[in-house]
Amino acid sequence: MNTPSTSPDPTTTDADPASWKPELHPGLRMRYVTGGRLRAEVPQRGVSIPAPPEVQELFAACDGERSAAEVAATLTRPAELSAPGRVATGLALLATLRRQGVLRSVPERPAEASEGYAHPSIHRVMVGDRVRTDAFQQALLAQVKEGDVVVDVGAGTGVLSLFSTQAGASQVYAIERSRLAKHAAALIEHNGASDRIEVLCGEAAELCAERELQCDVLVSEWLGQFVLLEGMFGAVAAARDAWLRPGGTMIPAGFELFLAPLGAGRAGAPSLEFDTPAYWSQPDYGVSFDPLLEVELDVLHRSIPAPITGDRLLAPPQSAHVVDCHAASLDDLYFKTELTFRTTRAGTLAGFVGHFTSDLGAGVILDTSPESPQTHWEQHLFFLRPVRLEEGAELTLRFEARRAKGQDHTPVFELEWEGPGGLRERRFYNADYE
């Protein structure tokens, strides 16, 4: 995954030539070349193609809202073709541009997954995470005072709004963008709190422009995997800047990210665990699986959540980034850091593992460390080629988390490490979102 891919869009099929919704790749650039001709280029994907007038005409209509058939119908060139002929030509051009990576289909975008949050099963996992939900309830009961006005951004089922009324809030505005809003309103009414909780269905940024209010407390359980995945903080910051009174309370107040080298097996265990690609590096059942290691490393594109216990770490975690939610912008969530680790035991390095702590205020700390009780966030894994390390080995880690161009929901991670004897590896994770 170290170089851009020009492989076809995996979601492109012959079954949907007209129904997909095309939008321009966020990395698209138009460049004039010799003779005044235009080329369409997406440097991240290594794409550079001619952009004659008919292609430019299609680009102008690819707004992510219209279907491919609707976009194709806007084509006026070539004039000698009938309307159906122009549509067929347009569809063929759109399909080609999609395969080349200049266009992408809107349903692929992670933002479309937001409607998945309307399903109760998602919230069952979150509400049923006792570590998470107990911490937020404790923080709200400690910080919401009698008569306070509270805004709950991304209210989901409305459970945090209900906790706010338990603490004495006189008015709560529960903001939920998905269709779960109507079910949250029903749940709130069922619990006898509809006189104090108003459910607002819509995007927080749009509601900020429509509603004038001031709140004493702004709460939002916006924390994603390794905090940064899900990308909801922009909405929280917009609500904070528009509605939170000076000196008001943010819940969470901040967070801290940690990284540590991950061992492929537990301390003292005779074999490697099967939860990382490093498993293939050991013979098992009298069989060598080395070729499968190469296959898995070749398709290793994403960072993933998984539960990790403290005895898997090869060195103690180190702080990588700290954010104050009262003052941070969306860009402040992303960072570069360099860390040095010294292994406390011998073992096979399988990658690095990340976790976070979040300060919810009033002394309440939400901790997702491998040493703490597991939460639905688990820990976040960045797999590498397995390498055997001795106790006391020094590792240097350079790590970057950056905002993917054109969308906020999945950051791109770049990781490079160096170790004894010239050991070194560099990998990108989630880079196909750029």
Foldseek 3Di string as FASTA:
>chain_A
DPAAAQAFDPVDDPVALWFFQKAFQLQWDWDADPPRWIWIDRVRRGDTGTQPPQNVQLNVVRPLPHTQLVSQQSGCPPVVDDSVVSSVVSSVVVNVCNGRPRMDTNVVDPVVCLLVLLDVVVVCQACVFCLNVVLLLVLLLVPQAAAFEEEEAQCRLVPSVVSNVVSHHQAYEYEHAYPSLVNSCVVCVVVVNNNHYDYDHHQLLVVLVVDQEAGQEYEYPCQAQLRQAQQPLQSVLSCLVRHYDVVGYYFQQKKWKKKFFFFQPFVPDPAGDPPFLCNQPDDDPNDRNVVVSVVCVVPAAAKDADADAPRGTQFDIDTFAMDGSNDDHSQNVWDKGKDKTFGQAKGKGFFMKMWMWIRRDPPRIRGCDSHDDHGPSHIITDGDHIDTDGGGKMKMKIKTWGAQRPDRRDTKIWIWMATPPGDIDIDIHPSVSD
